[in-house]
Amino acid sequence: MKLFFNKSTQMWEEYKIPYGSIDCPTKEDYDALKSILDAHCKCGKTVWVVERYEDGAACDVSGYVFIISVCGVALVSPTLNDCDDPNFILDEQVEQTRGGIGGDLAAYPLSDCYWSREEAVMAFEAEKEDKS
């Protein structure tokens, strides 16, 4: 399978690669690569997360700045000083780590993450109904 990209994608905006293709030996490789490229394009966008209690029960929906997904996990951050720029957020995380303060990055399973608040609320409410 080949994964194709063109001028309308983030690849063109960032790397000035007008078009191209990448050979993927299996569908799993294709899906993994596509999710990495898609996630790269979503860095800095708002992601809505179904928050959970320690027992796994859904308790709330919150918005975060999406940083990246790795191994089925979304790494997210709250806005810092009302800023949602991922470069600023990551620079602050590095400074806080250097200073021994720790950072505010959080990790959530991708299955609890949604690109719209409406979708997240629907998933939250559906889960609450199922538990009733």
C-alpha atoms as a PDB file:
ATOM      1  CA  MET A   1       0.000   0.000   0.000  1.00  0.00           C
ATOM      2  CA  LYS A   2       1.116   3.540  -0.665  1.00  0.00           C
ATOM      3  CA  LEU A   3       0.359   6.555   1.475  1.00  0.00           C
ATOM      4  CA  PHE A   4       0.099   9.621  -0.769  1.00  0.00           C
ATOM      5  CA  PHE A   5       0.288  13.269   0.210  1.00  0.00           C
ATOM      6  CA  ASN A   6       0.123  16.457  -1.853  1.00  0.00           C
ATOM      7  CA  LYS A   7       0.217  20.246  -1.687  1.00  0.00           C
ATOM      8  CA  SER A   8      -3.024  20.406   0.290  1.00  0.00           C
ATOM      9  CA  THR A   9      -1.494  18.624   3.269  1.00  0.00           C
ATOM     10  CA  GLN A  10       0.540  19.812   6.234  1.00  0.00           C
ATOM     11  CA  MET A  11       3.578  18.086   4.686  1.00  0.00           C
ATOM     12  CA  TRP A  12       3.627  20.758   1.977  1.00  0.00           C
ATOM     13  CA  GLU A  13       3.179  23.616   4.454  1.00  0.00           C
ATOM     14  CA  GLU A  14       6.021  22.518   6.706  1.00  0.00           C
ATOM     15  CA  TYR A  15       8.476  20.738   4.450  1.00  0.00           C
ATOM     16  CA  LYS A  16       7.620  22.122   0.995  1.00  0.00           C
ATOM     17  CA  ILE A  17       7.299  18.592  -0.346  1.00  0.00           C
ATOM     18  CA  PRO A  18       4.800  19.040  -3.208  1.00  0.00           C
ATOM     19  CA  TYR A  19       3.777  15.402  -3.423  1.00  0.00           C
ATOM     20  CA  GLY A  20       5.050  12.008  -2.611  1.00  0.00           C
ATOM     21  CA  SER A  21       4.274   8.514  -1.550  1.00  0.00           C
ATOM     22  CA  ILE A  22       5.537   6.146   1.067  1.00  0.00           C
ATOM     23  CA  ASP A  23       5.439   2.370   0.583  1.00  0.00           C
ATOM     24  CA  CYS A  24       3.751   0.526   3.422  1.00  0.00           C
ATOM     25  CA  PRO A  25       4.169  -3.265   3.428  1.00  0.00           C
ATOM     26  CA  THR A  26       0.996  -3.927   5.454  1.00  0.00           C
ATOM     27  CA  LYS A  27      -2.309  -2.241   6.248  1.00  0.00           C
ATOM     28  CA  GLU A  28      -1.172  -1.939   9.873  1.00  0.00           C
ATOM     29  CA  ASP A  29       1.945  -0.043   8.741  1.00  0.00           C
ATOM     30  CA  TYR A  30      -0.224   2.181   6.542  1.00  0.00           C
ATOM     31  CA  ASP A  31      -2.669   2.908   9.383  1.00  0.00           C
ATOM     32  CA  ALA A  32       0.170   3.620  11.839  1.00  0.00           C
ATOM     33  CA  LEU A  33       1.940   6.007   9.460  1.00  0.00           C
ATOM     34  CA  LYS A  34      -1.291   7.770   8.535  1.00  0.00           C
ATOM     35  CA  SER A  35      -2.180   8.281  12.199  1.00  0.00           C
ATOM     36  CA  ILE A  36       1.287   9.757  12.834  1.00  0.00           C
ATOM     37  CA  LEU A  37       0.914  12.194   9.919  1.00  0.00           C
ATOM     38  CA  ASP A  38      -2.649  13.048  10.954  1.00  0.00           C
ATOM     39  CA  ALA A  39      -1.580  13.638  14.544  1.00  0.00           C
ATOM     40  CA  HIS A  40       1.274  15.880  13.379  1.00  0.00           C
ATOM     41  CA  CYS A  41      -1.293  18.020  11.563  1.00  0.00           C
ATOM     42  CA  LYS A  42      -3.435  18.258  14.707  1.00  0.00           C
ATOM     43  CA  CYS A  43      -0.677  19.384  17.066  1.00  0.00           C
ATOM     44  CA  GLY A  44      -1.884  22.521  18.850  1.00  0.00           C
ATOM     45  CA  LYS A  45      -5.562  21.887  18.185  1.00  0.00           C
ATOM     46  CA  THR A  46      -8.089  21.451  20.983  1.00  0.00           C
ATOM     47  CA  VAL A  47      -8.842  17.869  21.925  1.00  0.00           C
ATOM     48  CA  TRP A  48     -11.800  17.009  24.150  1.00  0.00           C
ATOM     49  CA  VAL A  49     -11.256  14.264  26.696  1.00  0.00           C
ATOM     50  CA  VAL A  50     -13.673  12.135  28.682  1.00  0.00           C
ATOM     51  CA  GLU A  51     -12.191  12.376  32.169  1.00  0.00           C
ATOM     52  CA  ARG A  52     -12.432   9.338  34.465  1.00  0.00           C
ATOM     53  CA  TYR A  53     -12.400   8.518  38.155  1.00  0.00           C
ATOM     54  CA  GLU A  54      -9.801   6.049  39.435  1.00  0.00           C
ATOM     55  CA  ASP A  55     -12.313   3.198  38.988  1.00  0.00           C
ATOM     56  CA  GLY A  56     -12.614   4.048  35.280  1.00  0.00           C
ATOM     57  CA  ALA A  57     -16.082   5.609  35.433  1.00  0.00           C
ATOM     58  CA  ALA A  58     -16.570   8.702  33.267  1.00  0.00           C
ATOM     59  CA  CYS A  59     -16.874  11.877  35.354  1.00  0.00           C
ATOM     60  CA  ASP A  60     -16.416  14.938  33.103  1.00  0.00           C
ATOM     61  CA  VAL A  61     -15.379  16.320  29.699  1.00  0.00           C
ATOM     62  CA  SER A  62     -12.379  18.677  29.471  1.00  0.00           C
ATOM     63  CA  GLY A  63     -10.581  20.484  26.675  1.00  0.00           C
ATOM     64  CA  TYR A  64      -6.793  20.369  26.274  1.00  0.00           C
ATOM     65  CA  VAL A  65      -4.146  21.306  23.729  1.00  0.00           C
ATOM     66  CA  PHE A  66      -3.214  18.207  21.716  1.00  0.00           C
ATOM     67  CA  ILE A  67       0.553  17.669  21.522  1.00  0.00           C
ATOM     68  CA  ILE A  68       1.040  14.197  20.000  1.00  0.00           C
ATOM     69  CA  SER A  69      -0.158  10.615  20.169  1.00  0.00           C
ATOM     70  CA  VAL A  70       2.160   7.712  20.884  1.00  0.00           C
ATOM     71  CA  CYS A  71       1.268   4.031  21.327  1.00  0.00           C
ATOM     72  CA  GLY A  72      -2.466   4.724  21.496  1.00  0.00           C
ATOM     73  CA  VAL A  73      -2.049   7.530  24.043  1.00  0.00           C
ATOM     74  CA  ALA A  74      -2.652  11.254  23.530  1.00  0.00           C
ATOM     75  CA  LEU A  75      -0.220  13.588  25.257  1.00  0.00           C
ATOM     76  CA  VAL A  76      -2.048  16.819  26.022  1.00  0.00           C
ATOM     77  CA  SER A  77      -1.559  20.021  27.985  1.00  0.00           C
ATOM     78  CA  PRO A  78      -3.782  22.669  29.455  1.00  0.00           C
ATOM     79  CA  THR A  79      -3.268  26.097  27.915  1.00  0.00           C
ATOM     80  CA  LEU A  80      -0.418  27.945  29.616  1.00  0.00           C
ATOM     81  CA  ASN A  81      -0.928  31.646  30.298  1.00  0.00           C
ATOM     82  CA  ASP A  82      -3.921  31.501  27.906  1.00  0.00           C
ATOM     83  CA  CYS A  83      -1.589  30.296  25.149  1.00  0.00           C
ATOM     84  CA  ASP A  84      -2.311  27.166  23.097  1.00  0.00           C
ATOM     85  CA  ASP A  85       0.832  27.289  20.938  1.00  0.00           C
ATOM     86  CA  PRO A  86       2.487  23.855  21.239  1.00  0.00           C
ATOM     87  CA  ASN A  87       5.995  25.311  20.841  1.00  0.00           C
ATOM     88  CA  PHE A  88       5.441  27.649  23.783  1.00  0.00           C
ATOM     89  CA  ILE A  89       3.871  24.853  25.841  1.00  0.00           C
ATOM     90  CA  LEU A  90       6.742  22.460  25.177  1.00  0.00           C
ATOM     91  CA  ASP A  91       9.363  25.144  25.884  1.00  0.00           C
ATOM     92  CA  GLU A  92       7.639  25.790  29.227  1.00  0.00           C
ATOM     93  CA  GLN A  93       7.555  22.048  29.952  1.00  0.00           C
ATOM     94  CA  VAL A  94      11.307  21.826  29.324  1.00  0.00           C
ATOM     95  CA  GLU A  95      11.986  24.806  31.599  1.00  0.00           C
ATOM     96  CA  GLN A  96       9.778  23.387  34.352  1.00  0.00           C
ATOM     97  CA  THR A  97      11.461  19.993  34.099  1.00  0.00           C
ATOM     98  CA  ARG A  98      14.917  21.615  34.217  1.00  0.00           C
ATOM     99  CA  GLY A  99      13.883  23.553  37.293  1.00  0.00           C
ATOM    100  CA  GLY A 100      12.673  20.390  39.024  1.00  0.00           C
ATOM    101  CA  ILE A 101       9.100  21.693  39.146  1.00  0.00           C
ATOM    102  CA  GLY A 102       7.567  19.068  36.859  1.00  0.00           C
ATOM    103  CA  GLY A 103       5.232  19.779  34.015  1.00  0.00           C
ATOM    104  CA  ASP A 104       1.566  19.721  33.142  1.00  0.00           C
ATOM    105  CA  LEU A 105       1.508  17.215  30.296  1.00  0.00           C
ATOM    106  CA  ALA A 106      -1.196  14.602  30.740  1.00  0.00           C
ATOM    107  CA  ALA A 107      -1.736  11.263  28.989  1.00  0.00           C
ATOM    108  CA  TYR A 108      -5.140   9.886  27.948  1.00  0.00           C
ATOM    109  CA  PRO A 109      -6.080   6.831  25.897  1.00  0.00           C
ATOM    110  CA  LEU A 110      -7.026   7.857  22.358  1.00  0.00           C
ATOM    111  CA  SER A 111     -10.356   6.081  22.876  1.00  0.00           C
ATOM    112  CA  ASP A 112     -11.301   8.869  25.339  1.00  0.00           C
ATOM    113  CA  CYS A 113     -10.271  11.728  22.999  1.00  0.00           C
ATOM    114  CA  TYR A 114     -12.475  13.588  20.520  1.00  0.00           C
ATOM    115  CA  TRP A 115     -11.879  16.481  18.121  1.00  0.00           C
ATOM    116  CA  SER A 116     -15.194  18.141  18.964  1.00  0.00           C
ATOM    117  CA  ARG A 117     -16.746  18.898  22.321  1.00  0.00           C
ATOM    118  CA  GLU A 118     -20.106  17.644  21.057  1.00  0.00           C
ATOM    119  CA  GLU A 119     -18.690  14.183  20.278  1.00  0.00           C
ATOM    120  CA  ALA A 120     -17.019  13.979  23.692  1.00  0.00           C
ATOM    121  CA  VAL A 121     -20.202  15.000  25.507  1.00  0.00           C
ATOM    122  CA  MET A 122     -22.231  12.456  23.509  1.00  0.00           C
ATOM    123  CA  ALA A 123     -19.751   9.694  24.428  1.00  0.00           C
ATOM    124  CA  PHE A 124     -19.787  10.800  28.075  1.00  0.00           C
ATOM    125  CA  GLU A 125     -23.591  10.868  28.240  1.00  0.00           C
ATOM    126  CA  ALA A 126     -23.934   7.524  26.443  1.00  0.00           C
ATOM    127  CA  GLU A 127     -21.560   5.926  28.946  1.00  0.00           C
ATOM    128  CA  LYS A 128     -23.446   7.468  31.887  1.00  0.00           C
ATOM    129  CA  GLU A 129     -26.730   6.090  30.442  1.00  0.00           C
ATOM    130  CA  ASP A 130     -25.233   2.612  30.065  1.00  0.00           C
ATOM    131  CA  LYS A 131     -24.202   2.646  33.725  1.00  0.00           C
ATOM    132  CA  SER A 132     -27.735   3.613  34.864  1.00  0.00           C
END
